[in-house]
């Protein structure tokens, strides 16, 4: 498929989770290329937000969502495969932190300063624009 022929209104939509621990550190995951991202992924047709996030977190970390909150922020980027992507980040509490890695090879909780220093992938780097929504002053 020639991705340059997609209509200008096309965005690949992904749902991501904002998971904070009791020290207000954010959960991030490292992927195969060494870059970081928030857990979550592509929102498929005919699934609910909860179904999408449960599926993605099971694939990436082997965990389920205990509860889901509201939208924290939206961010967008150019995907390296040639299309635009938009990410919707929602507050979440996980059933546990006993991770069984899959698509994410390592997960850790990071402070605001550590977060800002992490290398994020090209299509995930926009999350840094949400720093003041993740950690409001």
C-alpha atoms as a PDB file:
ATOM      1  CA  UNK A   1       0.000   0.000   0.000  1.00  0.00           C
ATOM      2  CA  UNK A   2       1.320   3.426  -0.953  1.00  0.00           C
ATOM      3  CA  UNK A   3       0.919   5.345   2.314  1.00  0.00           C
ATOM      4  CA  UNK A   4       1.537   8.671   0.567  1.00  0.00           C
ATOM      5  CA  UNK A   5      -1.901   8.261  -1.029  1.00  0.00           C
ATOM      6  CA  UNK A   6      -3.767   8.283   2.281  1.00  0.00           C
ATOM      7  CA  UNK A   7      -6.212  11.184   2.631  1.00  0.00           C
ATOM      8  CA  UNK A   8      -4.939  14.153   4.630  1.00  0.00           C
ATOM      9  CA  UNK A   9      -7.560  13.393   7.290  1.00  0.00           C
ATOM     10  CA  UNK A  10      -6.155   9.899   8.035  1.00  0.00           C
ATOM     11  CA  UNK A  11      -4.638   9.310  11.479  1.00  0.00           C
ATOM     12  CA  UNK A  12      -3.704   5.996  13.072  1.00  0.00           C
ATOM     13  CA  UNK A  13      -5.286   6.205  16.533  1.00  0.00           C
ATOM     14  CA  UNK A  14      -3.547   4.642  19.514  1.00  0.00           C
ATOM     15  CA  UNK A  15      -4.601   4.478  23.145  1.00  0.00           C
ATOM     16  CA  UNK A  16      -1.918   4.813  25.809  1.00  0.00           C
ATOM     17  CA  UNK A  17      -2.009   4.587  29.600  1.00  0.00           C
ATOM     18  CA  UNK A  18      -0.742   6.997  32.207  1.00  0.00           C
ATOM     19  CA  UNK A  19       0.120   4.801  35.199  1.00  0.00           C
ATOM     20  CA  UNK A  20       1.656   6.550  38.203  1.00  0.00           C
ATOM     21  CA  UNK A  21       3.025   4.768  41.239  1.00  0.00           C
ATOM     22  CA  UNK A  22       2.718   5.988  44.850  1.00  0.00           C
ATOM     23  CA  UNK A  23       5.776   8.228  44.310  1.00  0.00           C
ATOM     24  CA  UNK A  24       4.187   9.955  41.276  1.00  0.00           C
ATOM     25  CA  UNK A  25       6.543   8.187  38.879  1.00  0.00           C
ATOM     26  CA  UNK A  26       5.277   7.288  35.401  1.00  0.00           C
ATOM     27  CA  UNK A  27       5.331   3.786  33.918  1.00  0.00           C
ATOM     28  CA  UNK A  28       7.263   3.633  30.635  1.00  0.00           C
ATOM     29  CA  UNK A  29       8.331   0.693  28.515  1.00  0.00           C
ATOM     30  CA  UNK A  30      11.438   0.063  26.449  1.00  0.00           C
ATOM     31  CA  UNK A  31      11.056  -1.555  23.036  1.00  0.00           C
ATOM     32  CA  UNK A  32      13.498  -3.583  20.912  1.00  0.00           C
ATOM     33  CA  UNK A  33      15.295  -0.579  19.400  1.00  0.00           C
ATOM     34  CA  UNK A  34      16.070   0.840  22.871  1.00  0.00           C
ATOM     35  CA  UNK A  35      13.586   3.696  22.688  1.00  0.00           C
ATOM     36  CA  UNK A  36      10.764   4.203  25.177  1.00  0.00           C
ATOM     37  CA  UNK A  37       7.006   4.575  24.928  1.00  0.00           C
ATOM     38  CA  UNK A  38       3.915   4.545  27.070  1.00  0.00           C
ATOM     39  CA  UNK A  39       2.170   1.174  27.227  1.00  0.00           C
ATOM     40  CA  UNK A  40      -0.766   0.830  24.850  1.00  0.00           C
ATOM     41  CA  UNK A  41      -1.301   0.648  21.151  1.00  0.00           C
ATOM     42  CA  UNK A  42      -3.533   0.707  18.102  1.00  0.00           C
ATOM     43  CA  UNK A  43      -7.276   1.202  18.562  1.00  0.00           C
ATOM     44  CA  UNK A  44      -8.984  -1.395  16.372  1.00  0.00           C
ATOM     45  CA  UNK A  45     -12.414  -1.154  14.778  1.00  0.00           C
ATOM     46  CA  UNK A  46     -15.277  -2.690  16.769  1.00  0.00           C
ATOM     47  CA  UNK A  47     -13.546  -2.695  20.153  1.00  0.00           C
ATOM     48  CA  UNK A  48     -14.143  -0.522  23.206  1.00  0.00           C
ATOM     49  CA  UNK A  49     -11.449   1.601  24.801  1.00  0.00           C
ATOM     50  CA  UNK A  50     -11.249  -0.907  27.649  1.00  0.00           C
ATOM     51  CA  UNK A  51     -10.963  -3.865  25.253  1.00  0.00           C
ATOM     52  CA  UNK A  52      -8.192  -2.127  23.316  1.00  0.00           C
ATOM     53  CA  UNK A  53      -6.146  -1.313  26.399  1.00  0.00           C
ATOM     54  CA  UNK A  54      -6.659  -4.755  27.947  1.00  0.00           C
ATOM     55  CA  UNK A  55      -5.505  -6.390  24.690  1.00  0.00           C
ATOM     56  CA  UNK A  56      -2.494  -4.115  24.276  1.00  0.00           C
ATOM     57  CA  UNK A  57      -1.347  -4.349  27.905  1.00  0.00           C
ATOM     58  CA  UNK A  58      -1.701  -8.132  27.818  1.00  0.00           C
ATOM     59  CA  UNK A  59       0.469  -8.230  24.652  1.00  0.00           C
ATOM     60  CA  UNK A  60       3.074  -5.829  26.008  1.00  0.00           C
ATOM     61  CA  UNK A  61       3.236  -6.472  29.753  1.00  0.00           C
ATOM     62  CA  UNK A  62       1.010  -9.457  30.556  1.00  0.00           C
ATOM     63  CA  UNK A  63      -1.301  -7.390  32.801  1.00  0.00           C
ATOM     64  CA  UNK A  64      -4.871  -6.121  32.814  1.00  0.00           C
ATOM     65  CA  UNK A  65      -6.385  -2.789  33.753  1.00  0.00           C
ATOM     66  CA  UNK A  66      -8.054  -2.558  37.155  1.00  0.00           C
ATOM     67  CA  UNK A  67      -9.640   0.833  36.498  1.00  0.00           C
ATOM     68  CA  UNK A  68      -9.563   3.436  33.778  1.00  0.00           C
ATOM     69  CA  UNK A  69      -9.817   7.194  34.300  1.00  0.00           C
ATOM     70  CA  UNK A  70     -10.148  10.157  32.018  1.00  0.00           C
ATOM     71  CA  UNK A  71      -8.061  11.507  29.181  1.00  0.00           C
ATOM     72  CA  UNK A  72      -4.854  13.160  30.374  1.00  0.00           C
ATOM     73  CA  UNK A  73      -3.637  14.397  26.995  1.00  0.00           C
ATOM     74  CA  UNK A  74      -3.565  13.949  23.243  1.00  0.00           C
ATOM     75  CA  UNK A  75      -0.415  14.030  21.149  1.00  0.00           C
ATOM     76  CA  UNK A  76       0.439  13.375  17.531  1.00  0.00           C
ATOM     77  CA  UNK A  77       3.442  12.627  15.393  1.00  0.00           C
ATOM     78  CA  UNK A  78       4.549  11.443  11.994  1.00  0.00           C
ATOM     79  CA  UNK A  79       4.855   7.680  12.021  1.00  0.00           C
ATOM     80  CA  UNK A  80       8.078   6.355  10.458  1.00  0.00           C
ATOM     81  CA  UNK A  81       5.928   4.243   8.091  1.00  0.00           C
ATOM     82  CA  UNK A  82       4.644   7.403   6.384  1.00  0.00           C
ATOM     83  CA  UNK A  83       1.357   8.290   8.045  1.00  0.00           C
ATOM     84  CA  UNK A  84       0.173  10.564  10.840  1.00  0.00           C
ATOM     85  CA  UNK A  85      -0.592   9.123  14.256  1.00  0.00           C
ATOM     86  CA  UNK A  86      -2.605  10.476  17.141  1.00  0.00           C
ATOM     87  CA  UNK A  87      -2.306   9.127  20.670  1.00  0.00           C
ATOM     88  CA  UNK A  88      -4.890   9.413  23.424  1.00  0.00           C
ATOM     89  CA  UNK A  89      -3.376   8.958  26.901  1.00  0.00           C
ATOM     90  CA  UNK A  90      -5.743   7.929  29.698  1.00  0.00           C
ATOM     91  CA  UNK A  91      -5.238   7.521  33.434  1.00  0.00           C
ATOM     92  CA  UNK A  92      -5.177   3.883  34.497  1.00  0.00           C
ATOM     93  CA  UNK A  93      -4.557   1.636  37.458  1.00  0.00           C
ATOM     94  CA  UNK A  94      -3.229  -1.832  36.673  1.00  0.00           C
ATOM     95  CA  UNK A  95      -4.314  -5.036  38.427  1.00  0.00           C
ATOM     96  CA  UNK A  96      -0.658  -5.620  39.374  1.00  0.00           C
ATOM     97  CA  UNK A  97       2.901  -4.741  38.419  1.00  0.00           C
ATOM     98  CA  UNK A  98       4.012  -8.352  37.910  1.00  0.00           C
ATOM     99  CA  UNK A  99       5.061  -7.791  34.311  1.00  0.00           C
ATOM    100  CA  UNK A 100       5.590 -10.584  31.790  1.00  0.00           C
ATOM    101  CA  UNK A 101       7.318  -8.887  28.912  1.00  0.00           C
ATOM    102  CA  UNK A 102       6.181  -9.255  25.344  1.00  0.00           C
ATOM    103  CA  UNK A 103       6.303  -6.361  22.881  1.00  0.00           C
ATOM    104  CA  UNK A 104       7.821  -4.225  25.637  1.00  0.00           C
ATOM    105  CA  UNK A 105      11.159  -5.641  26.741  1.00  0.00           C
ATOM    106  CA  UNK A 106      11.505  -3.696  30.004  1.00  0.00           C
ATOM    107  CA  UNK A 107       9.227  -1.474  32.059  1.00  0.00           C
ATOM    108  CA  UNK A 108      10.065   0.967  34.804  1.00  0.00           C
ATOM    109  CA  UNK A 109       8.636   3.891  36.714  1.00  0.00           C
ATOM    110  CA  UNK A 110      10.412   7.205  36.120  1.00  0.00           C
ATOM    111  CA  UNK A 111      10.324  10.672  37.660  1.00  0.00           C
ATOM    112  CA  UNK A 112       9.507  13.767  35.631  1.00  0.00           C
ATOM    113  CA  UNK A 113      13.202  14.596  35.158  1.00  0.00           C
ATOM    114  CA  UNK A 114      14.060  11.017  34.138  1.00  0.00           C
ATOM    115  CA  UNK A 115      11.108  11.025  31.729  1.00  0.00           C
ATOM    116  CA  UNK A 116      12.357  14.164  29.976  1.00  0.00           C
ATOM    117  CA  UNK A 117      15.786  12.557  29.443  1.00  0.00           C
ATOM    118  CA  UNK A 118      14.492   9.301  27.926  1.00  0.00           C
ATOM    119  CA  UNK A 119      14.870   8.609  24.208  1.00  0.00           C
ATOM    120  CA  UNK A 120      11.375   8.176  22.780  1.00  0.00           C
ATOM    121  CA  UNK A 121      10.662   6.814  19.323  1.00  0.00           C
ATOM    122  CA  UNK A 122       9.796   9.231  16.508  1.00  0.00           C
ATOM    123  CA  UNK A 123       6.066   8.601  16.684  1.00  0.00           C
ATOM    124  CA  UNK A 124       6.019   8.633  20.508  1.00  0.00           C
ATOM    125  CA  UNK A 125       8.168  11.712  21.167  1.00  0.00           C
ATOM    126  CA  UNK A 126       5.101  13.991  21.316  1.00  0.00           C
ATOM    127  CA  UNK A 127       4.326  12.642  24.785  1.00  0.00           C
ATOM    128  CA  UNK A 128       6.964  15.021  26.129  1.00  0.00           C
ATOM    129  CA  UNK A 129       4.596  17.893  25.245  1.00  0.00           C
ATOM    130  CA  UNK A 130       2.210  16.474  27.861  1.00  0.00           C
ATOM    131  CA  UNK A 131       4.665  16.624  30.765  1.00  0.00           C
ATOM    132  CA  UNK A 132       2.721  19.364  32.606  1.00  0.00           C
ATOM    133  CA  UNK A 133      -0.524  17.401  32.243  1.00  0.00           C
ATOM    134  CA  UNK A 134       1.062  14.226  33.595  1.00  0.00           C
ATOM    135  CA  UNK A 135       2.709  16.106  36.462  1.00  0.00           C
ATOM    136  CA  UNK A 136       0.615  19.247  37.037  1.00  0.00           C
ATOM    137  CA  UNK A 137       2.342  21.819  39.234  1.00  0.00           C
END
